[in-house]
Protein backbone atom coordinates (compact mmCIF):
# COMPACT_ATOMS: atom_id res chain seq x y z
CA MET A 1 1.80 -2.01 -30.38
CA LYS A 2 1.67 1.54 -28.90
CA SER A 3 -1.21 2.48 -30.93
CA LYS A 4 -3.15 -0.72 -29.66
CA ILE A 5 -2.03 0.17 -26.00
CA VAL A 6 -3.26 3.77 -26.35
CA PHE A 7 -6.67 2.47 -27.99
CA CYS A 8 -7.36 -0.09 -25.15
CA LEU A 9 -6.42 2.41 -22.43
CA ILE A 10 -8.87 4.97 -23.87
CA LEU A 11 -11.55 2.30 -24.10
CA CYS A 12 -11.02 1.66 -20.28
CA VAL A 13 -11.36 5.31 -19.68
CA ILE A 14 -14.68 5.49 -21.67
CA LEU A 15 -15.99 2.35 -19.94
CA ALA A 16 -15.11 3.35 -16.70
CA LEU A 17 -16.23 7.05 -16.89
CA THR A 18 -19.55 5.83 -17.88
CA VAL A 19 -19.89 3.30 -15.15
CA SER A 20 -18.42 5.89 -12.65
CA PHE A 21 -20.80 8.52 -13.79
CA SER A 22 -23.64 6.41 -12.41
CA ILE A 23 -22.15 6.91 -8.79
CA GLU A 24 -22.69 10.59 -8.95
CA THR A 25 -26.13 10.22 -10.36
CA PHE A 26 -26.81 7.68 -7.72
CA ALA A 27 -25.62 10.18 -4.97
CA ALA A 28 -27.33 12.89 -6.60
CA ASP A 29 -30.85 11.10 -6.20
CA ASP A 30 -29.77 10.04 -2.44
CA PRO A 31 -32.16 12.22 -0.23
CA HIS A 32 -29.42 12.19 2.36
CA GLY A 33 -26.52 13.19 0.17
CA ASP A 34 -26.17 16.72 1.27
CA GLU A 35 -26.51 15.81 5.06
CA ALA A 36 -23.90 13.14 4.49
CA ALA A 37 -21.50 15.45 2.91
CA HIS A 38 -21.09 17.21 6.28
CA HIS A 39 -20.52 13.98 8.30
CA SER A 40 -16.99 13.24 9.39
CA GLY A 41 -15.85 9.75 8.29
CA GLY A 42 -16.34 7.91 5.05
CA VAL A 43 -19.10 7.19 2.71
CA ASP A 44 -21.81 4.78 4.15
CA GLY A 45 -21.61 1.59 2.30
CA ALA A 46 -25.19 1.20 2.52
CA LYS A 47 -25.43 4.06 -0.05
CA LEU A 48 -23.39 2.29 -2.58
CA PRO A 49 -24.86 -0.14 -5.18
CA LEU A 50 -23.04 -3.15 -6.35
CA TRP A 51 -22.07 -1.90 -9.55
CA SER A 52 -20.06 0.85 -7.87
CA ILE A 53 -17.16 -1.81 -7.79
CA ILE A 54 -17.02 -1.93 -11.44
CA PRO A 55 -13.72 0.14 -11.51
CA PHE A 56 -12.13 -2.31 -9.30
CA ILE A 57 -13.46 -5.20 -11.50
CA GLY A 58 -11.94 -3.18 -14.28
CA ILE A 59 -8.33 -2.91 -12.83
CA LEU A 60 -8.46 -6.40 -12.13
CA LEU A 61 -9.15 -7.53 -15.84
CA SER A 62 -6.72 -5.18 -16.98
CA ILE A 63 -4.18 -6.93 -14.85
CA ALA A 64 -5.46 -10.29 -16.15
CA ILE A 65 -6.08 -9.43 -19.69
CA PHE A 66 -3.51 -6.67 -20.75
CA PRO A 67 -0.37 -9.02 -20.64
CA LEU A 68 -2.17 -11.33 -22.64
CA VAL A 69 -3.34 -9.06 -25.40
CA PHE A 70 -0.03 -7.13 -25.69
CA ASP A 71 3.03 -8.84 -23.79
CA SER A 72 4.08 -10.31 -20.51
CA HIS A 73 5.75 -7.03 -19.61
CA PHE A 74 2.90 -4.79 -20.12
CA LEU A 75 2.63 -4.39 -16.23
CA VAL A 76 6.26 -3.32 -16.01
CA HIS A 77 6.13 -0.66 -18.79
CA HIS A 78 2.49 0.36 -18.52
CA GLY A 79 1.10 -0.86 -15.20
CA GLY A 80 1.56 2.84 -13.63
CA LYS A 81 -0.67 4.32 -16.41
CA MET A 82 -3.25 1.76 -16.21
CA SER A 83 -3.43 2.20 -12.47
CA LEU A 84 -3.55 5.88 -12.80
CA ILE A 85 -6.33 5.69 -15.26
CA TRP A 86 -8.50 3.52 -13.34
CA GLY A 87 -7.90 5.29 -10.18
CA LEU A 88 -8.94 8.73 -11.66
CA VAL A 89 -11.93 7.49 -13.28
CA PHE A 90 -13.12 6.20 -10.02
CA ALA A 91 -11.96 8.98 -7.73
CA ILE A 92 -13.22 12.01 -9.80
CA PRO A 93 -16.79 10.94 -9.85
CA TYR A 94 -16.52 9.67 -6.20
CA LEU A 95 -15.30 12.98 -5.13
CA ILE A 96 -17.89 14.76 -7.00
CA ALA A 97 -20.84 12.69 -5.65
CA PHE A 98 -19.67 12.34 -1.95
CA ARG A 99 -17.25 15.41 -1.62
CA GLY A 100 -16.00 15.35 1.94
CA GLU A 101 -16.63 11.91 2.75
CA ALA A 102 -15.07 10.48 -0.53
CA PHE A 103 -11.87 12.44 0.03
CA TYR A 104 -11.75 10.87 3.88
CA ASP A 105 -12.27 7.62 2.19
CA ILE A 106 -9.39 7.96 -0.22
CA LEU A 107 -7.06 9.66 2.46
CA HIS A 108 -7.70 6.94 5.03
CA ILE A 109 -7.15 3.86 2.81
CA TYR A 110 -3.76 5.55 1.72
CA LEU A 111 -2.53 6.72 5.01
CA LEU A 112 -3.55 3.75 6.90
CA ASP A 113 -3.50 1.00 4.45
CA TYR A 114 -1.49 1.68 1.16
CA ILE A 115 1.64 3.66 2.73
CA PRO A 116 2.08 1.26 5.68
CA PHE A 117 1.74 -1.76 3.22
CA ILE A 118 4.29 -0.33 0.67
CA ILE A 119 6.87 0.78 3.22
CA LEU A 120 6.92 -2.74 4.88
CA LEU A 121 7.23 -4.51 1.82
CA TRP A 122 9.93 -1.91 0.59
CA GLY A 123 11.91 -2.43 3.73
CA LEU A 124 11.82 -6.13 3.61
CA PHE A 125 12.47 -6.45 0.07
CA THR A 126 15.42 -4.05 0.32
CA VAL A 127 17.01 -5.71 3.40
CA ALA A 128 16.50 -9.25 1.91
CA GLY A 129 18.14 -8.25 -1.38
CA GLY A 130 21.24 -7.77 0.41
CA ILE A 131 21.57 -11.28 1.50
CA LEU A 132 23.16 -13.64 -1.13
CA VAL A 133 23.45 -17.22 -0.93
CA ARG A 134 26.61 -18.28 -2.70
CA GLY A 135 27.92 -21.78 -3.53
CA THR A 136 27.15 -24.70 -5.80
CA LEU A 137 23.47 -25.21 -5.21
CA ARG A 138 21.92 -27.83 -7.67
CA GLY A 139 18.19 -27.91 -8.12
CA THR A 140 17.48 -31.48 -7.48
CA PRO A 141 14.13 -32.44 -6.12
CA ILE A 142 15.27 -32.89 -2.69
CA VAL A 143 17.30 -29.59 -2.63
CA ASN A 144 14.28 -27.52 -4.06
CA THR A 145 11.93 -29.41 -1.56
CA VAL A 146 14.40 -28.43 1.36
CA LEU A 147 14.44 -24.80 -0.10
CA LEU A 148 10.44 -24.62 0.08
CA LEU A 149 10.55 -26.26 3.77
CA ILE A 150 13.03 -23.61 4.98
CA GLY A 151 10.93 -20.86 3.41
CA THR A 152 7.52 -22.26 4.73
CA ILE A 153 9.11 -22.40 8.21
CA ILE A 154 10.74 -18.88 8.32
CA ALA A 155 7.99 -17.01 6.76
CA SER A 156 5.79 -16.68 9.99
CA TRP A 157 8.62 -15.24 11.73
CA VAL A 158 10.33 -12.77 8.99
CA GLY A 159 7.06 -12.48 7.10
CA THR A 160 5.98 -13.87 3.71
CA THR A 161 7.82 -11.04 2.01
CA GLY A 162 11.11 -11.48 3.76
CA ALA A 163 10.95 -15.19 3.25
CA SER A 164 9.97 -15.00 -0.24
CA MET A 165 12.68 -12.23 -1.08
CA LEU A 166 15.25 -14.30 0.86
CA LEU A 167 14.77 -17.64 -1.32
CA ILE A 168 13.22 -17.01 -4.44
CA ARG A 169 16.57 -15.90 -6.23
CA PRO A 170 18.52 -18.85 -4.84
CA LEU A 171 15.56 -21.36 -5.92
CA ILE A 172 15.86 -19.68 -9.46
CA LYS A 173 19.65 -19.93 -9.61
CA ALA A 174 19.66 -23.40 -8.41
CA ASN A 175 17.43 -24.65 -11.25
CA ALA A 176 19.02 -22.29 -14.03
CA TYR A 177 19.72 -25.24 -15.95
CA ARG A 178 16.04 -26.74 -15.87
CA LYS A 179 13.82 -26.62 -18.92
CA LYS A 180 10.52 -26.71 -16.86
CA LYS A 181 10.41 -24.18 -13.90
CA VAL A 182 7.06 -22.84 -13.65
CA HIS A 183 5.95 -25.35 -11.03
CA LEU A 184 8.74 -24.19 -8.90
CA VAL A 185 7.37 -20.73 -8.68
CA VAL A 186 4.02 -21.67 -8.36
CA PHE A 187 4.40 -24.05 -5.26
CA PHE A 188 6.97 -21.43 -3.74
CA ILE A 189 4.03 -18.82 -4.01
CA PHE A 190 1.44 -21.34 -2.60
CA LEU A 191 3.71 -22.08 0.48
CA VAL A 192 6.37 -19.56 1.27
CA SER A 193 4.42 -16.36 -0.10
CA ASN A 194 1.27 -17.46 1.60
CA ILE A 195 0.58 -20.51 3.89
CA GLY A 196 3.95 -20.57 5.69
CA GLY A 197 2.92 -16.99 7.05
CA SER A 198 0.00 -18.22 8.89
CA LEU A 199 1.35 -18.75 12.57
CA THR A 200 2.49 -15.20 13.78
CA PRO A 201 0.94 -11.54 13.11
CA LEU A 202 4.58 -11.17 11.62
CA GLY A 203 3.71 -13.46 8.93
CA ASP A 204 1.00 -11.89 6.97
CA PRO A 205 -0.98 -8.45 7.35
CA PRO A 206 -4.31 -9.76 8.35
CA LEU A 207 -3.08 -11.54 11.30
CA PHE A 208 -1.13 -8.12 12.12
CA LEU A 209 -4.39 -6.25 12.14
CA GLY A 210 -5.64 -8.97 14.47
CA PHE A 211 -2.89 -8.43 16.84
CA LEU A 212 -3.49 -4.70 16.98
CA ARG A 213 -7.10 -5.37 17.78
CA GLY A 214 -6.40 -7.69 20.74
CA VAL A 215 -5.74 -11.06 19.50
CA PRO A 216 -2.72 -12.42 21.46
CA PHE A 217 0.78 -12.77 19.63
CA PHE A 218 0.85 -16.30 19.96
CA TRP A 219 -2.79 -17.34 19.53
CA THR A 220 -2.45 -18.03 15.79
CA THR A 221 0.63 -20.20 16.59
CA THR A 222 -1.38 -22.77 18.39
CA ALA A 223 -4.79 -22.06 16.67
CA LEU A 224 -3.66 -22.42 13.21
CA LEU A 225 -0.77 -24.65 13.56
CA PRO A 226 -2.95 -27.83 12.68
CA HIS A 227 -4.24 -26.37 9.68
CA MET A 228 -0.80 -25.15 8.44
CA LEU A 229 0.89 -28.28 9.04
CA PHE A 230 -1.99 -30.17 7.31
CA ILE A 231 -1.83 -28.37 4.27
CA SER A 232 1.92 -27.50 4.11
CA THR A 233 2.70 -31.39 4.66
CA ILE A 234 0.50 -32.29 1.72
CA LEU A 235 1.81 -29.38 -0.72
CA ILE A 236 5.61 -30.23 -0.02
CA VAL A 237 4.73 -33.90 -0.62
CA LEU A 238 2.78 -33.16 -3.97
CA PHE A 239 5.61 -30.74 -4.93
CA PHE A 240 8.34 -33.40 -4.48
CA ILE A 241 6.46 -35.72 -6.30
CA PHE A 242 5.53 -33.56 -9.31
CA ASP A 243 9.32 -31.83 -9.33
CA THR A 244 10.84 -35.59 -9.33
CA VAL A 245 8.68 -36.43 -12.45
CA MET A 246 9.57 -33.24 -13.96
CA PHE A 247 13.41 -33.70 -13.26
CA LYS A 248 13.27 -37.36 -14.55
CA ARG A 249 11.61 -36.25 -17.84
CA GLU A 250 14.49 -33.95 -18.44
CA GLY A 251 16.88 -36.90 -18.07
CA GLY A 252 17.22 -36.79 -14.06
CA VAL A 253 20.86 -35.70 -14.40
CA VAL A 254 22.33 -32.56 -12.93
CA PRO A 255 25.06 -31.13 -15.42
CA ASP A 256 28.40 -30.58 -14.36
CA ASP A 257 29.79 -27.31 -14.84
CA GLY A 258 33.14 -27.87 -13.23
CA THR A 259 32.28 -25.71 -10.07
CA SER A 260 32.08 -27.11 -6.56
CA GLU A 261 31.84 -24.00 -4.28
CA PRO A 262 30.83 -24.66 -0.62
CA ILE A 263 27.32 -23.11 0.36
CA ARG A 264 27.66 -19.78 2.35
CA VAL A 265 25.49 -16.95 2.94
CA ASP A 266 26.92 -13.50 2.64
CA GLY A 267 25.44 -10.09 3.74
CA LEU A 268 24.40 -11.50 6.98
CA PHE A 269 24.86 -8.29 8.63
CA ASN A 270 21.44 -7.31 6.90
CA LEU A 271 19.81 -9.68 9.53
CA VAL A 272 20.10 -6.97 11.95
CA PHE A 273 18.02 -4.72 9.94
CA LEU A 274 15.66 -7.40 9.43
CA LEU A 275 15.12 -7.83 13.03
CA GLY A 276 14.87 -4.10 13.28
CA ILE A 277 11.84 -4.30 11.11
CA VAL A 278 10.55 -7.11 12.83
CA GLY A 279 11.03 -5.37 16.19
CA ALA A 280 9.37 -2.06 14.61
CA VAL A 281 6.09 -3.93 13.82
CA LEU A 282 6.12 -5.69 17.15
CA MET A 283 6.39 -2.17 18.75
CA SER A 284 3.63 -0.68 17.01
CA GLY A 285 1.26 -3.39 18.23
CA SER A 286 2.39 -3.22 21.72
CA PHE A 287 2.55 0.39 22.63
CA LYS A 288 -0.25 3.23 22.46
CA TRP A 289 1.42 6.89 22.14
CA GLY A 290 -1.70 8.63 21.07
CA GLU A 291 -2.60 9.87 17.73
CA VAL A 292 -2.20 12.69 15.27
CA ASN A 293 -5.17 13.96 13.20
CA ILE A 294 -4.61 14.51 9.34
CA LEU A 295 -7.08 16.07 7.59
CA GLY A 296 -9.89 13.94 9.61
CA VAL A 297 -7.76 10.71 9.52
CA HIS A 298 -6.43 9.53 12.92
CA VAL A 299 -2.79 8.20 12.67
CA TYR A 300 -1.19 6.58 15.49
CA TRP A 301 2.19 7.78 16.55
CA GLN A 302 3.45 4.26 17.25
CA ASN A 303 2.57 3.51 13.54
CA ILE A 304 4.36 6.46 12.26
CA THR A 305 7.31 5.54 14.18
CA ARG A 306 7.13 2.11 12.87
CA GLU A 307 7.16 3.54 9.33
CA LEU A 308 10.20 5.53 9.90
CA LEU A 309 12.22 2.91 11.70
CA ILE A 310 11.41 0.46 8.64
CA VAL A 311 12.67 3.06 6.13
CA ALA A 312 15.69 3.83 8.24
CA MET A 313 16.47 -0.09 8.26
CA GLY A 314 16.15 -0.02 4.57
CA VAL A 315 18.47 2.89 4.26
CA LEU A 316 21.01 1.57 6.53
CA SER A 317 20.95 -1.81 4.50
CA LEU A 318 21.79 0.06 1.34
CA LEU A 319 24.32 1.95 3.02
CA PHE A 320 26.07 -0.60 5.49
CA ALA A 321 29.38 -2.44 4.45
CA PRO A 322 31.69 -1.88 1.68
CA PHE A 323 30.59 -4.67 -0.32
CA ASN A 324 26.77 -4.39 -0.16
CA GLY A 325 26.69 -3.13 -3.76
CA GLU A 326 28.50 -6.08 -5.00
CA LEU A 327 26.21 -8.42 -3.13
CA ARG A 328 23.25 -6.79 -4.78
CA GLN A 329 24.67 -6.76 -8.24
CA THR A 330 25.60 -10.45 -7.92
CA ASN A 331 21.97 -11.14 -6.32
CA GLU A 332 20.41 -9.57 -9.46
CA PHE A 333 18.77 -6.94 -7.28
CA SER A 334 16.58 -4.35 -8.93
CA TRP A 335 13.94 -2.10 -7.93
CA GLU A 336 11.52 -3.18 -10.83
CA PRO A 337 9.61 -5.69 -8.73
CA ILE A 338 8.58 -3.40 -5.98
CA GLU A 339 8.13 -0.53 -8.44
CA GLU A 340 5.62 -2.80 -10.20
CA VAL A 341 3.63 -3.70 -7.01
CA ALA A 342 3.67 -0.03 -5.86
CA LYS A 343 2.07 1.27 -9.08
CA VAL A 344 -0.42 -1.46 -9.55
CA PHE A 345 -1.50 -1.61 -6.03
CA ALA A 346 -2.14 2.13 -5.77
CA GLY A 347 -4.75 1.64 -8.30
CA ILE A 348 -6.29 -1.51 -6.55
CA PHE A 349 -6.27 0.18 -2.97
CA ILE A 350 -8.40 3.25 -4.51
CA THR A 351 -10.67 1.30 -6.51
CA ILE A 352 -11.32 -1.16 -3.66
CA ILE A 353 -13.08 1.45 -1.63
CA PRO A 354 -16.57 0.97 -2.64
CA ALA A 355 -16.09 -3.04 -2.44
CA LEU A 356 -14.83 -2.49 1.32
CA ALA A 357 -17.58 -0.04 2.25
CA ILE A 358 -20.39 -2.46 0.93
CA LEU A 359 -18.85 -5.18 2.92
CA LYS A 360 -18.63 -3.02 5.97
CA ALA A 361 -22.20 -2.07 5.93
CA GLY A 362 -23.13 -5.66 6.40
CA GLU A 363 -26.74 -6.53 6.30
CA ALA A 364 -27.72 -2.99 5.35
CA GLY A 365 -25.54 -2.94 2.20
CA ALA A 366 -25.77 -4.45 -1.35
CA LEU A 367 -24.31 -7.83 -0.22
CA ARG A 368 -27.10 -8.09 2.58
CA GLY A 369 -28.20 -11.60 1.26
CA LEU A 370 -24.49 -13.08 1.13
CA ILE A 371 -23.84 -11.24 4.86
CA ALA A 372 -26.99 -12.66 6.30
CA SER A 373 -26.11 -16.29 5.08
CA ILE A 374 -22.63 -16.39 6.77
CA GLN A 375 -23.16 -18.34 10.09
CA GLU A 376 -20.94 -21.25 10.55
CA PRO A 377 -16.82 -21.11 10.69
CA PHE A 378 -16.51 -22.70 7.17
CA HIS A 379 -18.81 -19.94 5.95
CA TYR A 380 -16.33 -17.44 7.33
CA PHE A 381 -13.33 -19.51 5.80
CA TRP A 382 -14.82 -19.77 2.39
CA ILE A 383 -16.08 -15.86 1.91
CA THR A 384 -13.14 -14.35 3.54
CA GLY A 385 -10.83 -16.37 1.54
CA ILE A 386 -12.42 -15.99 -1.73
CA LEU A 387 -12.70 -12.19 -1.16
CA SER A 388 -9.05 -12.08 -0.19
CA SER A 389 -7.97 -13.62 -3.15
CA PHE A 390 -9.27 -10.63 -5.08
CA LEU A 391 -9.54 -7.74 -2.38
CA ASP A 392 -6.91 -6.73 -0.12
CA ASN A 393 -6.94 -9.46 2.65
CA ALA A 394 -6.16 -7.29 5.37
CA PRO A 395 -9.26 -5.12 5.32
CA THR A 396 -11.23 -8.03 4.42
CA TYR A 397 -10.05 -10.00 7.40
CA LEU A 398 -11.04 -7.01 9.63
CA THR A 399 -14.30 -6.55 8.19
CA PHE A 400 -15.36 -10.33 8.95
CA PHE A 401 -13.78 -9.95 12.09
CA ASN A 402 -15.99 -7.20 13.17
CA THR A 403 -18.99 -9.07 11.60
CA ALA A 404 -18.30 -12.15 13.97
CA LEU A 405 -18.17 -9.83 16.88
CA GLY A 406 -21.60 -8.12 15.90
CA LYS A 407 -23.28 -11.47 15.15
CA LEU A 408 -22.40 -12.65 18.58
CA HIS A 409 -22.97 -9.40 20.23
CA LEU A 410 -19.47 -8.94 21.55
CA SER A 411 -17.26 -6.01 21.73
CA GLU A 412 -13.74 -5.62 20.78
CA ALA A 413 -12.72 -5.09 24.24
CA VAL A 414 -13.36 -8.61 25.39
CA VAL A 415 -11.15 -10.21 22.39
CA PRO A 416 -8.06 -10.70 24.57
CA GLN A 417 -9.75 -12.37 27.35
CA ILE A 418 -11.79 -14.60 25.10
CA LEU A 419 -8.66 -16.01 23.18
CA ALA A 420 -6.72 -16.26 26.60
CA GLY A 421 -9.43 -18.77 27.62
CA GLN A 422 -10.68 -16.26 30.23
CA LEU A 423 -14.34 -16.05 29.00
CA THR A 424 -15.76 -19.40 28.10
CA GLU A 425 -19.63 -18.91 27.54
CA PRO A 426 -20.98 -20.43 24.38
CA GLN A 427 -20.67 -17.08 22.42
CA HIS A 428 -17.03 -16.79 23.29
CA LEU A 429 -16.32 -20.21 22.12
CA GLU A 430 -18.24 -19.70 18.79
CA PHE A 431 -16.15 -16.72 18.47
CA ILE A 432 -12.85 -18.61 18.46
CA ARG A 433 -14.27 -21.00 15.84
CA LEU A 434 -15.41 -18.19 13.76
CA LEU A 435 -11.98 -16.38 14.08
CA THR A 436 -10.26 -19.59 13.27
CA GLY A 437 -12.20 -19.70 10.04
CA ILE A 438 -11.46 -15.95 9.13
CA SER A 439 -7.95 -16.12 9.88
CA VAL A 440 -7.35 -19.46 7.82
CA GLY A 441 -9.31 -18.18 4.79
CA ALA A 442 -7.59 -14.78 4.88
CA VAL A 443 -3.97 -16.34 4.72
CA PHE A 444 -4.51 -19.53 2.88
CA MET A 445 -6.69 -18.44 -0.03
CA GLY A 446 -4.12 -15.25 -0.79
CA ALA A 447 -2.33 -17.92 -2.73
CA ASN A 448 -5.30 -18.34 -5.24
CA THR A 449 -4.34 -15.35 -7.13
CA TYR A 450 -1.25 -13.00 -8.11
CA ILE A 451 -2.84 -9.93 -6.27
CA GLY A 452 -4.19 -12.24 -3.22
CA ASN A 453 -0.99 -11.20 -1.37
CA ALA A 454 1.88 -8.80 -2.44
CA PRO A 455 4.50 -11.17 -2.47
CA ASN A 456 2.97 -13.15 -5.00
CA PHE A 457 3.16 -10.08 -7.43
CA MET A 458 6.82 -9.81 -6.62
CA VAL A 459 8.08 -13.41 -6.81
CA LYS A 460 6.17 -13.46 -10.29
CA SER A 461 8.10 -10.35 -11.49
CA ILE A 462 11.39 -11.57 -10.28
CA ALA A 463 10.73 -15.01 -12.14
CA GLU A 464 9.87 -13.24 -15.25
CA GLN A 465 12.91 -10.97 -14.95
CA SER A 466 14.94 -14.27 -14.87
CA GLY A 467 13.54 -15.53 -18.02
CA ILE A 468 10.79 -17.70 -16.60
CA ARG A 469 7.45 -17.58 -18.68
CA MET A 470 5.01 -17.36 -15.75
CA PRO A 471 1.33 -18.33 -16.21
CA SER A 472 -1.20 -15.57 -17.21
CA PHE A 473 -3.49 -14.17 -14.10
CA PHE A 474 -6.11 -16.84 -15.11
CA GLY A 475 -3.57 -19.31 -15.76
CA PHE A 476 -2.08 -19.08 -12.23
CA MET A 477 -5.86 -19.47 -11.06
CA LEU A 478 -6.10 -22.75 -13.02
CA TRP A 479 -3.17 -23.90 -10.87
CA SER A 480 -4.97 -22.76 -7.54
CA VAL A 481 -8.11 -24.46 -8.53
CA VAL A 482 -6.60 -27.63 -9.28
CA ILE A 483 -4.14 -27.95 -6.55
CA LEU A 484 -5.41 -25.84 -3.62
CA PHE A 485 -9.20 -25.90 -3.67
CA PRO A 486 -9.52 -29.80 -3.26
CA LEU A 487 -7.19 -29.00 -0.19
CA PHE A 488 -9.43 -26.21 1.19
CA VAL A 489 -12.46 -28.59 0.90
CA ILE A 490 -10.53 -31.17 3.01
CA VAL A 491 -9.59 -28.34 5.62
CA THR A 492 -13.33 -27.29 5.71
CA PHE A 493 -14.31 -31.06 6.55
CA VAL A 494 -11.20 -31.95 8.97
CA PHE A 495 -11.20 -28.60 10.83
CA LEU A 496 -14.18 -26.12 10.34
CA ARG A 497 -17.31 -28.33 10.58
């Protein structure tokens, strides 16, 4: 087994080095290469050919295929090595080819995207891991549906990660006696880890980026509520029907183990730290305290403060109360899921650089034909959504946010007035329609794959730790294509035409 793994990793290195070397060759042939190396900022996406995203495709295929070739725990044991290899075979030629601009790109995505992303996930994961639901909770269709409904409701207010970490373990524990449990986790990912987070900037990172750029805090609540209620209601009804059928196939009887303990929640003191994280996020979007220049990358002080506060909340949650350790042990808390996410996404974030740069270049980049064809809200919905299923949905949202502004010849400065209804010219109303499509696509279609949103990956890892054999990468996509895509088509015709 080890020899197969080593051989497969070496094959990835050879393939990725061959392709990535072409980036260096392409840059060497660029007559503006030397001049560009002295510019501040990142590599112009217009310089990058479409095949420069092959290392990114490589890491996605590795995530999808390696667990099938070897075992389902491949990413747990070897995800870090795989991520490091793909990251290096992209970064080394990229740095040689574009030098200072490439270094800026790499530093920029880690300082402004990856590190805040992981710190927020770590904080929510750590705090939620100290909250334990005790008592006799039996996984009947009604109980399971109520748990998914609660998670969907709170996801917009404590984040999809917070809601997922609070409720996935109680759901799994309640259904320990069930034979077929995959559908429970799949629908949980659809609703709690994604669609439920569409009503506030706290729910999902793309909406938080919009908040930082002038989108009013409660705009998503009113603008996206019809879409969220529509698709959530259908999914919850479908889940109840599906779970009822599966429950009856297994006999339709809840086994009696002789216990009848009242339901209670321990570790509620952690809600203080959860609120602290929410407050830190709101603070960073509400105050402007200047910036610090870190090797050319401008980092805002309010964002640095946010990260420090989130870390402080997580550390306090780990240290607070004498029974905190017992709560986490009973909750089967471990660091494995967040470690897996941190390692795998470290590679995804660096190899995603050329894909985001090409998108950012718009009609000057390799995807000019695609960008030029995007006109209507449903175009933005589908392109933002599909790309968010495989790229990081936060920068994808931001890319098309700026694309919409550019197409309508609007500046970011007028966004608050537009969304507050103070500007009502046709181009202003059109921007509202386009932003609605972008927002719905970025949040809803994060449910299409395991990497569409970070909680998806964490929930999958926790489920597998509990003995649930989750679908492969493509297997999960089959669930989303069969269940979600028809609903997205309906959303298109009902809301986005």
